Amino acid sequence: MASQTGGEEPAAQGVAVGALPARVGRVSVSGVSRIRAGFLAAVMAPTLGATTVQQAADAARDACGRLAALGMARQGRVELRQGAGDTIDVHVACADGGRVAVRTGVDVGGDEGTASVAARMNNVWGGGEYAEAHYARGTQTAAAFRTVLGAPVGGDPARRVELTAQQSTCDARAWGSHDDVRRSVGAAFRRSAGAVADEVAYAVAWREVAGVGARASPELRRLAGHSVKAGVTAARTYDSRDSPTVPTAGTLARASLEAAGLGGSTRLARALVEVQASRRVGASCVVAAGLQAGAVWSPGAVPLADRFFVGGAHSVRGFAFRGIGPRDGADALGGDVFYAAGLSVLSPPLPRLPALRAHLWANAGQCALLLAAPGPRADAARFLRSPSASVGVGLVYAHSLVRAELSWCLPLAATPTDQLRPGLQLGLGLQFL
């Protein structure tokens, strides 16, 4: 009925249901076959603390995401029901996550191809724990085995602790007359928040330069044998790249510090930094720059397993794998300091071949033994001012799992001990300079 005063009727007032006060009386989860009461309480604690309907729904959806990230559940659905008195009940209905997963793959990187098989068991004891086993064999890796036992902290998949044990045997005769044998056990805490990831780890490693060949150099024979390292490593990574293989925007910054000497025969301090940045130019061209640098110091000789090596399709292109830096005869000895820098320009995707781009690049780097036996100032100046360098052109294939490069390389500057690889060079992997 119209108002007799001729005025307009008041508009209907909507009710913001999400903002209504609410007290959660009970939470429950269905569809998960194994879940401990204490773990469920930790995951659902934010839901029980909600004071509005919207907060309760958001917290329950976050709990669904945690269960999915831990492999415990999938297809989560949140249901809000009227509870006793003025409370609401929250129910999370989902399907059981996969318990066991097995995968096989072929990895290419570090100048070798590797075939691997891995098995993972999720939710081992009903608290999001996981156990993994990896086995690999390759063109240089005779055998590599790794086991991991991990668990989330407080039900949060972004914070976890891991125990690891691994062993590998690598045929290093492509760059040195020996085999590289490594065994280690360790524990680590990892945390991630957005683009930032932190890690603190303690590990005990037994390394061996074994199977020294008849043509081994005197210096390699001096470095042969066993070394035991026990130490702590702290690392932080910032990664805002839009792709881990061929980024077109974003930045990667990583830094790690290691201190060894908490047991074992090895005493050293080791620092490593890496920075990469990619920016679009124009419609779809990309300019990328990268820098890597590191230093390791020890009161005695730095073990071969802890030294830095430079050169190869993933490092300074146009040189052999581990082909830059100190050598004794045919044996690469590595260095206690190094740097490597790269600048590249990627063309727009090629017509009818959107995964391919043309690539123009320039690389430079150097590796030396300066800290263990400091030489004259001229040695440090030459290390900084006279890098080995190369330029080239080629094609880059972008895939979500791997990056492939075929480059024509032209070395421009080299030291007498460097091993050059001019002409075509193929690189496959994830990490490139």
Protein backbone atom coordinates (compact mmCIF):
# COMPACT_ATOMS: atom_id res chain seq x y z
CA MET A 1 0.00 0.00 0.00
CA ALA A 2 1.26 3.47 -0.89
CA SER A 3 2.05 5.91 1.90
CA GLN A 4 -0.66 8.49 2.45
CA THR A 5 1.99 11.18 2.90
CA GLY A 6 3.22 10.63 -0.66
CA GLY A 7 6.77 9.68 0.45
CA GLU A 8 8.75 6.70 -0.95
CA GLU A 9 8.82 3.39 0.90
CA PRO A 10 12.10 2.63 2.66
CA ALA A 11 14.44 0.26 0.74
CA ALA A 12 14.78 -3.26 2.08
CA GLN A 13 17.88 -3.64 4.26
CA GLY A 14 20.19 -6.58 3.42
CA VAL A 15 21.76 -8.65 6.16
CA ALA A 16 25.51 -9.34 6.00
CA VAL A 17 25.42 -12.93 7.19
CA GLY A 18 29.19 -13.25 7.25
CA ALA A 19 29.51 -10.42 9.74
CA LEU A 20 27.06 -11.92 12.22
CA PRO A 21 28.61 -12.80 15.57
CA ALA A 22 29.14 -16.52 16.00
CA ARG A 23 30.64 -18.94 18.48
CA VAL A 24 31.87 -22.27 17.19
CA GLY A 25 30.78 -25.09 19.44
CA ARG A 26 32.03 -28.12 17.53
CA VAL A 27 34.22 -28.96 14.55
CA SER A 28 34.46 -32.27 12.72
CA VAL A 29 36.16 -33.78 9.69
CA SER A 30 34.90 -36.68 7.59
CA GLY A 31 36.44 -38.57 4.70
CA VAL A 32 39.97 -38.82 6.13
CA SER A 33 40.71 -42.39 7.15
CA ARG A 34 43.64 -41.61 9.47
CA ILE A 35 43.87 -38.45 11.56
CA ARG A 36 45.09 -38.07 15.12
CA ALA A 37 43.00 -36.13 17.60
CA GLY A 38 45.90 -33.88 18.58
CA PHE A 39 46.70 -33.10 14.95
CA LEU A 40 43.05 -32.33 14.21
CA ALA A 41 42.94 -29.97 17.20
CA ALA A 42 45.99 -28.09 15.90
CA VAL A 43 44.57 -27.73 12.39
CA MET A 44 41.13 -26.67 13.61
CA ALA A 45 42.27 -24.33 16.42
CA PRO A 46 41.76 -21.13 14.32
CA THR A 47 38.21 -22.27 13.50
CA LEU A 48 37.33 -22.69 17.18
CA GLY A 49 38.59 -19.17 17.85
CA ALA A 50 36.36 -17.53 15.20
CA THR A 51 34.00 -14.78 16.38
CA THR A 52 31.96 -14.30 13.18
CA VAL A 53 30.37 -16.60 10.61
CA GLN A 54 32.82 -15.38 7.94
CA GLN A 55 35.84 -16.04 10.16
CA ALA A 56 34.60 -19.56 10.87
CA ALA A 57 34.11 -20.29 7.16
CA ASP A 58 37.51 -18.84 6.19
CA ALA A 59 39.33 -20.75 8.92
CA ALA A 60 37.64 -24.01 7.90
CA ARG A 61 38.57 -23.46 4.25
CA ASP A 62 42.16 -22.82 5.34
CA ALA A 63 42.08 -26.13 7.24
CA CYS A 64 40.90 -27.84 4.02
CA GLY A 65 43.86 -26.33 2.21
CA ARG A 66 46.28 -27.58 4.86
CA LEU A 67 44.94 -31.12 4.69
CA ALA A 68 45.20 -31.05 0.87
CA ALA A 69 48.75 -29.66 0.97
CA LEU A 70 49.78 -32.49 3.27
CA GLY A 71 48.25 -35.09 0.95
CA MET A 72 45.77 -36.18 3.62
CA ALA A 73 42.57 -35.11 1.88
CA ARG A 74 41.14 -33.70 -1.34
CA GLN A 75 37.88 -32.20 -2.60
CA GLY A 76 37.23 -30.43 0.70
CA ARG A 77 33.84 -28.85 1.36
CA VAL A 78 32.89 -26.67 4.36
CA GLU A 79 29.46 -26.96 5.97
CA LEU A 80 28.09 -24.65 8.69
CA ARG A 81 25.25 -25.94 10.82
CA GLN A 82 23.22 -24.64 13.74
CA GLY A 83 24.63 -26.06 16.94
CA ALA A 84 23.45 -26.14 20.53
CA GLY A 85 22.19 -22.83 21.88
CA ASP A 86 23.75 -19.87 20.11
CA THR A 87 26.69 -21.84 18.65
CA ILE A 88 27.39 -23.13 15.16
CA ASP A 89 28.97 -26.44 14.19
CA VAL A 90 31.60 -26.56 11.46
CA HIS A 91 32.01 -29.70 9.39
CA VAL A 92 34.70 -30.32 6.78
CA ALA A 93 33.69 -33.04 4.31
CA CYS A 94 36.42 -34.34 2.00
CA ALA A 95 37.75 -37.40 0.22
CA ASP A 96 40.74 -39.37 1.44
CA GLY A 97 44.04 -38.34 -0.10
CA GLY A 98 46.28 -40.78 -1.88
CA ARG A 99 48.36 -42.82 0.54
CA VAL A 100 51.20 -44.02 -1.68
CA ALA A 101 52.61 -42.45 -4.85
CA VAL A 102 55.33 -43.76 -7.14
CA ARG A 103 56.92 -41.77 -9.92
CA THR A 104 59.72 -42.25 -12.39
CA GLY A 105 61.59 -39.66 -14.34
CA VAL A 106 64.64 -38.64 -16.31
CA ASP A 107 66.64 -35.68 -15.03
CA VAL A 108 69.30 -33.82 -16.97
CA GLY A 109 71.69 -31.43 -15.29
CA GLY A 110 75.27 -31.06 -14.17
CA ASP A 111 76.48 -32.45 -17.52
CA GLU A 112 74.79 -35.83 -17.03
CA GLY A 113 71.49 -37.62 -17.54
CA THR A 114 69.89 -39.52 -14.68
CA ALA A 115 66.99 -41.97 -14.51
CA SER A 116 65.21 -42.10 -11.17
CA VAL A 117 62.37 -43.75 -9.29
CA ALA A 118 60.77 -42.33 -6.16
CA ALA A 119 58.10 -43.54 -3.75
CA ARG A 120 56.23 -41.46 -1.18
CA MET A 121 53.85 -42.43 1.61
CA ASN A 122 51.59 -39.67 2.96
CA ASN A 123 50.05 -39.37 6.41
CA VAL A 124 52.15 -42.17 7.89
CA TRP A 125 50.91 -41.86 11.49
CA GLY A 126 47.82 -39.70 11.07
CA GLY A 127 49.53 -36.35 11.56
CA GLY A 128 50.58 -35.36 8.05
CA GLU A 129 53.91 -37.17 8.27
CA TYR A 130 55.51 -38.39 5.05
CA ALA A 131 58.24 -40.85 4.10
CA GLU A 132 60.10 -40.78 0.78
CA ALA A 133 62.68 -42.99 -0.90
CA HIS A 134 64.60 -42.00 -4.04
CA TYR A 135 66.91 -44.10 -6.19
CA ALA A 136 68.80 -42.85 -9.26
CA ARG A 137 71.39 -44.02 -11.76
CA GLY A 138 72.98 -41.92 -14.46
CA THR A 139 75.72 -41.54 -17.02
CA GLN A 140 78.10 -40.49 -14.22
CA THR A 141 76.14 -41.41 -11.09
CA ALA A 142 76.72 -45.12 -10.44
CA ALA A 143 74.04 -45.10 -7.72
CA ALA A 144 72.32 -42.54 -5.53
CA PHE A 145 69.88 -43.34 -2.74
CA ARG A 146 68.04 -40.90 -0.48
CA THR A 147 65.42 -41.35 2.22
CA VAL A 148 63.38 -38.63 3.91
CA LEU A 149 61.09 -38.70 6.92
CA GLY A 150 59.23 -35.44 7.49
CA ALA A 151 56.39 -33.95 9.48
CA PRO A 152 54.57 -30.59 9.61
CA VAL A 153 55.00 -28.38 12.66
CA GLY A 154 51.71 -27.50 14.33
CA GLY A 155 49.77 -28.94 11.41
CA ASP A 156 51.17 -26.22 9.11
CA PRO A 157 52.48 -27.51 5.73
CA ALA A 158 54.54 -24.32 5.40
CA ARG A 159 56.63 -25.34 8.44
CA ARG A 160 58.14 -28.78 8.58
CA VAL A 161 61.01 -30.81 9.99
CA GLU A 162 62.85 -33.51 8.06
CA LEU A 163 65.32 -36.29 8.77
CA THR A 164 67.39 -37.42 5.79
CA ALA A 165 69.92 -40.10 4.94
CA GLN A 166 71.61 -40.39 1.57
CA GLN A 167 74.48 -41.98 -0.29
CA SER A 168 75.84 -41.44 -3.79
CA THR A 169 78.71 -42.68 -5.90
CA CYS A 170 79.69 -40.57 -8.89
CA ASP A 171 82.19 -41.32 -11.62
CA ALA A 172 84.12 -38.03 -11.78
CA ARG A 173 86.54 -39.14 -14.48
CA ALA A 174 85.06 -36.68 -16.96
CA TRP A 175 86.82 -33.90 -15.03
CA GLY A 176 89.12 -35.76 -12.58
CA SER A 177 90.79 -39.14 -12.20
CA HIS A 178 88.65 -40.38 -9.31
CA ASP A 179 85.25 -41.42 -7.97
CA ASP A 180 83.26 -39.15 -5.65
CA VAL A 181 81.54 -41.06 -2.81
CA ARG A 182 79.29 -39.25 -0.32
CA ARG A 183 77.22 -40.44 2.63
CA SER A 184 75.31 -38.19 5.01
CA VAL A 185 72.59 -38.00 7.64
CA GLY A 186 70.93 -34.79 8.75
CA ALA A 187 67.99 -32.92 10.18
CA ALA A 188 66.41 -29.72 8.86
CA PHE A 189 63.71 -27.20 9.67
CA ARG A 190 62.07 -25.49 6.68
CA ARG A 191 59.63 -22.60 6.61
CA SER A 192 57.97 -20.76 3.72
CA ALA A 193 55.81 -17.66 3.55
CA GLY A 194 54.82 -16.40 0.13
CA ALA A 195 57.95 -15.88 -1.95
CA VAL A 196 60.33 -16.35 1.00
CA ALA A 197 61.68 -19.72 2.17
CA ASP A 198 64.07 -20.35 5.07
CA GLU A 199 66.02 -23.44 6.04
CA VAL A 200 68.24 -24.38 8.97
CA ALA A 201 69.94 -27.79 8.78
CA TYR A 202 72.51 -29.87 10.62
CA ALA A 203 74.25 -32.67 8.76
CA VAL A 204 77.08 -35.12 9.21
CA ALA A 205 78.71 -36.11 5.92
CA TRP A 206 81.37 -38.68 5.16
CA ARG A 207 83.01 -37.93 1.80
CA GLU A 208 85.65 -39.91 -0.06
CA VAL A 209 87.81 -39.18 -3.08
CA ALA A 210 88.15 -42.83 -4.08
CA GLY A 211 89.27 -44.97 -6.98
CA VAL A 212 92.10 -42.63 -7.90
CA GLY A 213 93.30 -43.54 -11.38
CA ALA A 214 96.83 -44.27 -12.55
CA ARG A 215 96.95 -40.95 -14.43
CA ALA A 216 95.87 -38.87 -11.43
CA SER A 217 97.87 -35.73 -10.82
CA PRO A 218 100.03 -35.26 -7.70
CA GLU A 219 97.66 -32.67 -6.29
CA LEU A 220 94.62 -34.90 -6.70
CA ARG A 221 96.49 -37.71 -4.95
CA ARG A 222 97.22 -35.35 -2.08
CA LEU A 223 93.50 -34.52 -1.77
CA ALA A 224 92.37 -38.15 -2.04
CA GLY A 225 90.98 -40.08 0.91
CA HIS A 226 88.28 -39.53 3.50
CA SER A 227 86.89 -36.42 5.16
CA VAL A 228 84.08 -36.10 7.69
CA LYS A 229 82.14 -32.86 7.98
CA ALA A 230 79.59 -31.98 10.65
CA GLY A 231 78.06 -28.55 10.48
CA VAL A 232 75.11 -26.18 10.38
CA THR A 233 73.73 -24.49 7.27
CA ALA A 234 71.30 -21.57 7.18
CA ALA A 235 69.73 -20.43 3.91
CA ARG A 236 67.12 -17.95 2.76
CA THR A 237 65.49 -17.81 -0.69
CA TYR A 238 63.29 -15.15 -2.25
CA ASP A 239 61.65 -16.25 -5.49
CA SER A 240 59.06 -14.12 -7.30
CA ARG A 241 59.72 -15.52 -10.79
CA ASP A 242 56.77 -16.45 -12.96
CA SER A 243 58.55 -19.64 -14.09
CA PRO A 244 61.43 -21.66 -12.60
CA THR A 245 62.74 -22.68 -16.04
CA VAL A 246 62.39 -19.70 -18.41
CA PRO A 247 61.20 -16.74 -16.31
CA THR A 248 59.94 -13.65 -18.08
CA ALA A 249 59.48 -11.55 -14.91
CA GLY A 250 60.48 -11.68 -11.29
CA THR A 251 63.56 -12.09 -9.11
CA LEU A 252 65.39 -14.94 -7.46
CA ALA A 253 67.74 -14.18 -4.55
CA ARG A 254 69.34 -16.95 -2.52
CA ALA A 255 71.99 -16.84 0.20
CA SER A 256 73.43 -19.62 2.36
CA LEU A 257 75.98 -19.76 5.16
CA GLU A 258 77.62 -22.94 6.43
CA ALA A 259 79.81 -23.47 9.50
CA ALA A 260 81.46 -26.89 9.88
CA GLY A 261 83.53 -28.10 12.80
CA LEU A 262 80.95 -29.46 15.23
CA GLY A 263 82.64 -32.84 15.09
CA GLY A 264 84.42 -34.55 12.22
CA SER A 265 87.75 -33.73 10.61
CA THR A 266 86.69 -30.71 8.54
CA ARG A 267 86.74 -27.10 9.78
CA LEU A 268 85.42 -24.48 7.39
CA ALA A 269 83.11 -21.55 6.78
CA ARG A 270 81.31 -21.36 3.43
CA ALA A 271 79.11 -18.64 1.90
CA LEU A 272 77.17 -18.73 -1.37
CA VAL A 273 74.91 -16.13 -3.00
CA GLU A 274 72.88 -16.16 -6.19
CA VAL A 275 70.75 -13.45 -7.79
CA GLN A 276 68.67 -13.61 -10.97
CA ALA A 277 66.33 -10.99 -12.41
CA SER A 278 64.13 -11.08 -15.51
CA ARG A 279 62.23 -8.18 -17.03
CA ARG A 280 59.98 -7.86 -20.07
CA VAL A 281 61.04 -5.34 -22.69
CA GLY A 282 58.39 -4.23 -25.09
CA ALA A 283 55.61 -6.69 -25.81
CA SER A 284 57.34 -10.01 -25.22
CA CYS A 285 61.14 -9.70 -25.30
CA VAL A 286 62.91 -10.59 -22.04
CA VAL A 287 66.18 -9.32 -20.58
CA ALA A 288 67.66 -11.51 -17.85
CA ALA A 289 70.74 -11.07 -15.66
CA GLY A 290 72.31 -13.45 -13.18
CA LEU A 291 75.17 -13.43 -10.67
CA GLN A 292 76.63 -16.21 -8.54
CA ALA A 293 79.50 -15.89 -6.05
CA GLY A 294 80.93 -17.87 -3.19
CA ALA A 295 83.85 -18.27 -0.82
CA VAL A 296 85.01 -21.05 1.50
CA TRP A 297 87.71 -20.77 4.16
CA SER A 298 89.43 -23.49 6.13
CA PRO A 299 92.51 -23.46 8.39
CA GLY A 300 93.83 -26.36 6.32
CA ALA A 301 93.31 -27.54 2.77
CA VAL A 302 89.69 -27.24 1.67
CA PRO A 303 88.40 -30.75 0.84
CA LEU A 304 87.65 -31.31 -2.83
CA ALA A 305 83.96 -31.94 -1.99
CA ASP A 306 83.59 -28.42 -0.57
CA ARG A 307 85.25 -26.47 -3.38
CA PHE A 308 83.52 -24.46 -6.09
CA PHE A 309 83.57 -25.37 -9.78
CA VAL A 310 82.69 -23.16 -12.75
CA GLY A 311 82.03 -23.81 -16.41
CA GLY A 312 79.58 -25.71 -18.57
CA ALA A 313 76.24 -25.28 -20.28
CA HIS A 314 74.52 -24.39 -16.98
CA SER A 315 77.30 -22.08 -15.78
CA VAL A 316 79.69 -20.12 -18.00
CA ARG A 317 78.79 -21.39 -21.47
CA GLY A 318 81.48 -22.04 -24.05
CA PHE A 319 83.65 -23.92 -21.52
CA ALA A 320 83.75 -27.56 -20.46
CA PHE A 321 81.83 -28.71 -17.40
CA ARG A 322 84.03 -27.64 -14.46
CA GLY A 323 86.41 -26.33 -17.09
CA ILE A 324 87.31 -22.97 -15.52
CA GLY A 325 89.79 -22.58 -12.68
CA PRO A 326 92.75 -24.42 -11.16
CA ARG A 327 93.81 -27.72 -12.68
CA ASP A 328 96.67 -30.15 -12.29
CA GLY A 329 97.06 -31.95 -15.56
CA ALA A 330 93.60 -33.24 -16.57
CA ASP A 331 92.16 -32.96 -13.06
CA ALA A 332 89.88 -30.05 -12.13
CA LEU A 333 90.77 -28.93 -8.60
CA GLY A 334 88.10 -26.28 -8.01
CA GLY A 335 88.57 -23.09 -6.03
CA ASP A 336 87.86 -21.51 -2.68
CA VAL A 337 86.42 -18.37 -4.31
CA PHE A 338 84.41 -17.94 -7.50
CA TYR A 339 82.03 -15.69 -9.35
CA ALA A 340 79.96 -16.10 -12.50
CA ALA A 341 77.76 -13.55 -14.24
CA GLY A 342 75.46 -13.66 -17.22
CA LEU A 343 73.34 -11.35 -19.34
CA SER A 344 70.87 -12.63 -21.91
CA VAL A 345 68.14 -11.38 -24.21
CA LEU A 346 65.27 -13.67 -25.20
CA SER A 347 63.25 -12.93 -28.30
CA PRO A 348 59.47 -13.18 -28.48
CA PRO A 349 58.17 -16.75 -28.97
CA LEU A 350 58.86 -17.93 -32.49
CA PRO A 351 55.93 -18.02 -34.93
CA ARG A 352 54.04 -21.33 -34.78
CA LEU A 353 56.50 -22.53 -32.11
CA PRO A 354 55.42 -20.72 -28.93
CA ALA A 355 57.71 -22.79 -26.68
CA LEU A 356 60.84 -21.68 -28.57
CA ARG A 357 62.70 -18.39 -28.23
CA ALA A 358 65.91 -17.12 -29.76
CA HIS A 359 68.66 -16.41 -27.23
CA LEU A 360 71.55 -13.91 -27.26
CA TRP A 361 73.87 -14.09 -24.24
CA ALA A 362 77.20 -13.12 -22.66
CA ASN A 363 78.82 -14.96 -19.74
CA ALA A 364 81.89 -14.35 -17.58
CA GLY A 365 83.35 -15.99 -14.51
CA GLN A 366 86.42 -17.01 -12.60
CA CYS A 367 87.41 -19.62 -10.01
CA ALA A 368 90.63 -19.60 -7.96
CA LEU A 369 92.43 -20.77 -4.83
CA LEU A 370 93.14 -17.51 -3.02
CA LEU A 371 92.09 -17.88 0.62
CA ALA A 372 93.97 -21.03 1.67
CA ALA A 373 97.32 -19.68 0.46
CA PRO A 374 96.96 -15.93 -0.15
CA GLY A 375 99.19 -14.73 -2.92
CA PRO A 376 100.29 -11.25 -3.95
CA ARG A 377 97.74 -8.52 -4.50
CA ALA A 378 98.14 -9.01 -8.24
CA ASP A 379 96.51 -12.46 -7.94
CA ALA A 380 93.36 -11.00 -6.41
CA ALA A 381 93.27 -8.22 -9.00
CA ARG A 382 93.62 -10.73 -11.84
CA PHE A 383 90.83 -12.86 -10.32
CA LEU A 384 88.45 -9.89 -10.28
CA ARG A 385 89.46 -8.10 -13.46
CA SER A 386 90.35 -10.92 -15.86
CA PRO A 387 87.43 -13.35 -16.00
CA SER A 388 87.03 -16.10 -18.53
CA ALA A 389 84.30 -14.90 -20.89
CA SER A 390 82.17 -16.01 -23.81
CA VAL A 391 79.27 -14.88 -25.99
CA GLY A 392 76.81 -16.74 -28.14
CA VAL A 393 73.42 -17.19 -29.73
CA GLY A 394 70.99 -20.06 -29.75
CA LEU A 395 67.51 -21.40 -29.06
CA VAL A 396 65.73 -21.89 -25.75
CA TYR A 397 62.90 -24.39 -25.29
CA ALA A 398 60.57 -23.52 -22.41
CA HIS A 399 58.78 -26.34 -20.59
CA SER A 400 57.20 -26.35 -17.14
CA LEU A 401 59.58 -29.13 -16.01
CA VAL A 402 62.81 -28.47 -17.89
CA ARG A 403 64.70 -25.86 -19.86
CA ALA A 404 66.62 -26.87 -22.98
CA GLU A 405 69.24 -24.73 -24.69
CA LEU A 406 71.16 -25.21 -27.91
CA SER A 407 73.81 -22.51 -28.16
CA TRP A 408 76.61 -21.62 -30.53
CA CYS A 409 79.43 -20.46 -28.26
CA LEU A 410 82.42 -18.21 -28.87
CA PRO A 411 84.94 -17.99 -25.98
CA LEU A 412 86.52 -14.54 -25.80
CA ALA A 413 88.94 -14.80 -22.87
CA ALA A 414 90.42 -17.74 -20.98
CA THR A 415 93.25 -18.67 -18.62
CA PRO A 416 95.90 -21.25 -19.57
CA THR A 417 94.21 -23.94 -17.45
CA ASP A 418 90.69 -23.45 -18.88
CA GLN A 419 89.08 -26.06 -21.11
CA LEU A 420 87.20 -24.40 -23.97
CA ARG A 421 84.13 -25.76 -25.77
CA PRO A 422 83.55 -23.50 -28.79
CA GLY A 423 80.76 -24.23 -31.21
CA LEU A 424 77.50 -25.96 -30.39
CA GLN A 425 76.71 -26.73 -26.74
CA LEU A 426 73.53 -28.40 -25.41
CA GLY A 427 72.15 -27.74 -21.96
CA LEU A 428 69.17 -29.38 -20.24
CA GLY A 429 68.00 -28.73 -16.70
CA LEU A 430 66.46 -26.23 -14.30
CA GLN A 431 69.30 -24.04 -13.06
CA PHE A 432 71.07 -21.84 -15.61
CA LEU A 433 73.21 -18.76 -15.18
